[in-house]
Amino acid sequence: MSKVEGNSGSNTQIWIRLAVGAALLLTPWLYKFKHLNGPTTSAWVAGAVLIALAVAGLRVAHPAIMWVQTAVGVWLAFAPWTLKFTNQAMPTQIHVIVGALLVGMAARAFLRQRFGSGAATS
């Protein structure tokens, strides 16, 4: 079973997941919002989960990886409202954009699995 068939994503998606996870871990310092508990904790936890998913995706193809990635993406997209930090522009933008990216990547992988490797290509 290939990684796409196993629905954990292609090697490119795995490396993107790893890079995005690492970036999320660093964003509170890079964009100077580490003093804000909600967005910082959210970014750290989501980043750590994405790194763990990337490592798992390198070792085994499993559909749960893409489902968890989708959940992390949805969490990130809605975290600014859930944790009430929408008044902080930079953390809100980072969370919403990265969340949308993760959900989009997962949707693309799901479409590729459902309709074949030619579907959802750009």
Protein backbone atom coordinates (compact mmCIF):
# COMPACT_ATOMS: atom_id res chain seq x y z
CA MET A 1 0.00 0.00 0.00
CA SER A 2 1.50 3.35 -1.02
CA LYS A 3 1.36 6.39 1.20
CA VAL A 4 -1.39 8.00 -0.90
CA GLU A 5 -3.39 4.78 -0.86
CA GLY A 6 -2.90 4.64 2.91
CA ASN A 7 -4.15 8.21 3.07
CA SER A 8 -1.27 9.59 5.14
CA GLY A 9 -0.15 11.81 2.27
CA SER A 10 2.68 11.94 -0.22
CA ASN A 11 6.29 12.44 0.79
CA THR A 12 5.93 16.11 -0.18
CA GLN A 13 2.95 16.49 2.16
CA ILE A 14 4.86 14.77 4.93
CA TRP A 15 7.77 17.21 4.61
CA ILE A 16 5.39 20.17 4.39
CA ARG A 17 3.67 18.90 7.55
CA LEU A 18 7.06 18.73 9.28
CA ALA A 19 8.02 22.24 8.14
CA VAL A 20 4.67 23.73 9.15
CA GLY A 21 4.88 22.02 12.55
CA ALA A 22 8.36 23.40 13.14
CA ALA A 23 7.25 26.85 12.00
CA LEU A 24 4.29 26.77 14.39
CA LEU A 25 6.62 25.95 17.26
CA LEU A 26 8.71 29.02 16.41
CA THR A 27 5.98 31.55 15.56
CA PRO A 28 5.42 32.83 19.12
CA TRP A 29 9.04 34.01 19.18
CA LEU A 30 9.32 35.05 15.54
CA TYR A 31 6.18 37.16 15.67
CA LYS A 32 6.55 38.21 19.31
CA PHE A 33 3.38 36.83 20.83
CA LYS A 34 4.88 34.33 23.29
CA HIS A 35 3.50 36.43 26.16
CA LEU A 36 -0.04 35.52 25.02
CA ASN A 37 -0.92 32.17 26.59
CA GLY A 38 -3.79 31.12 24.29
CA PRO A 39 -2.17 31.53 20.87
CA THR A 40 1.24 30.39 22.10
CA THR A 41 -0.07 27.16 23.64
CA SER A 42 -2.25 26.52 20.60
CA ALA A 43 0.69 27.00 18.21
CA TRP A 44 3.01 24.81 20.30
CA VAL A 45 0.55 21.94 20.69
CA ALA A 46 -0.50 22.05 17.02
CA GLY A 47 3.15 22.23 15.93
CA ALA A 48 4.12 19.28 18.11
CA VAL A 49 1.18 17.21 16.80
CA LEU A 50 2.11 18.02 13.19
CA ILE A 51 5.72 17.00 13.76
CA ALA A 52 4.55 13.74 15.33
CA LEU A 53 2.24 13.15 12.35
CA ALA A 54 5.10 13.80 9.92
CA VAL A 55 7.33 11.30 11.69
CA ALA A 56 4.49 8.77 11.79
CA GLY A 57 3.81 9.36 8.09
CA LEU A 58 7.43 8.56 7.25
CA ARG A 59 7.15 5.24 9.06
CA VAL A 60 3.67 3.98 8.22
CA ALA A 61 0.77 4.89 5.92
CA HIS A 62 -2.42 5.18 7.93
CA PRO A 63 -5.69 7.02 7.21
CA ALA A 64 -5.81 8.41 10.75
CA ILE A 65 -2.85 10.68 9.97
CA MET A 66 -4.86 12.75 7.49
CA TRP A 67 -7.90 12.82 9.79
CA VAL A 68 -5.79 14.12 12.67
CA GLN A 69 -4.20 16.69 10.34
CA THR A 70 -7.70 17.82 9.35
CA ALA A 71 -8.67 18.14 13.02
CA VAL A 72 -5.53 20.19 13.75
CA GLY A 73 -6.30 22.43 10.77
CA VAL A 74 -9.88 22.99 11.89
CA TRP A 75 -8.67 23.69 15.43
CA LEU A 76 -6.14 26.24 14.22
CA ALA A 77 -8.70 27.97 11.99
CA PHE A 78 -11.19 28.36 14.85
CA ALA A 79 -8.80 28.77 17.80
CA PRO A 80 -8.74 32.59 17.65
CA TRP A 81 -12.49 32.66 18.38
CA THR A 82 -12.46 29.70 20.76
CA LEU A 83 -9.56 31.06 22.81
CA LYS A 84 -10.66 34.68 22.30
CA PHE A 85 -7.53 36.20 20.79
CA THR A 86 -9.08 37.66 17.62
CA ASN A 87 -8.00 41.10 18.84
CA GLN A 88 -4.39 40.00 18.22
CA ALA A 89 -3.94 40.29 14.45
CA MET A 90 -0.73 38.31 13.90
CA PRO A 91 -1.59 35.18 15.91
CA THR A 92 -5.09 35.19 14.42
CA GLN A 93 -3.77 35.43 10.86
CA ILE A 94 -1.19 32.69 11.43
CA HIS A 95 -3.74 30.33 12.97
CA VAL A 96 -6.38 30.86 10.27
CA ILE A 97 -3.96 30.66 7.32
CA VAL A 98 -2.11 27.59 8.60
CA GLY A 99 -5.41 25.93 9.52
CA ALA A 100 -6.76 26.51 6.01
CA LEU A 101 -3.51 25.18 4.50
CA LEU A 102 -3.71 21.98 6.56
CA VAL A 103 -7.37 21.36 5.74
CA GLY A 104 -6.65 22.03 2.05
CA MET A 105 -3.74 19.59 2.03
CA ALA A 106 -5.88 16.92 3.68
CA ALA A 107 -8.76 17.53 1.26
CA ARG A 108 -6.38 17.17 -1.67
CA ALA A 109 -5.07 13.86 -0.30
CA PHE A 110 -8.61 12.58 0.31
CA LEU A 111 -9.62 13.53 -3.26
CA ARG A 112 -6.53 11.85 -4.70
CA GLN A 113 -7.34 8.70 -2.81
CA ARG A 114 -11.00 8.75 -3.81
CA PHE A 115 -10.64 9.67 -7.48
CA GLY A 116 -7.10 8.53 -8.29
CA SER A 117 -3.73 10.20 -8.56
CA GLY A 118 -4.82 12.46 -11.43
CA ALA A 119 -7.49 14.19 -9.35
CA ALA A 120 -6.89 17.45 -7.54
CA THR A 121 -3.56 18.13 -9.17
CA SER A 122 -2.38 21.60 -9.90
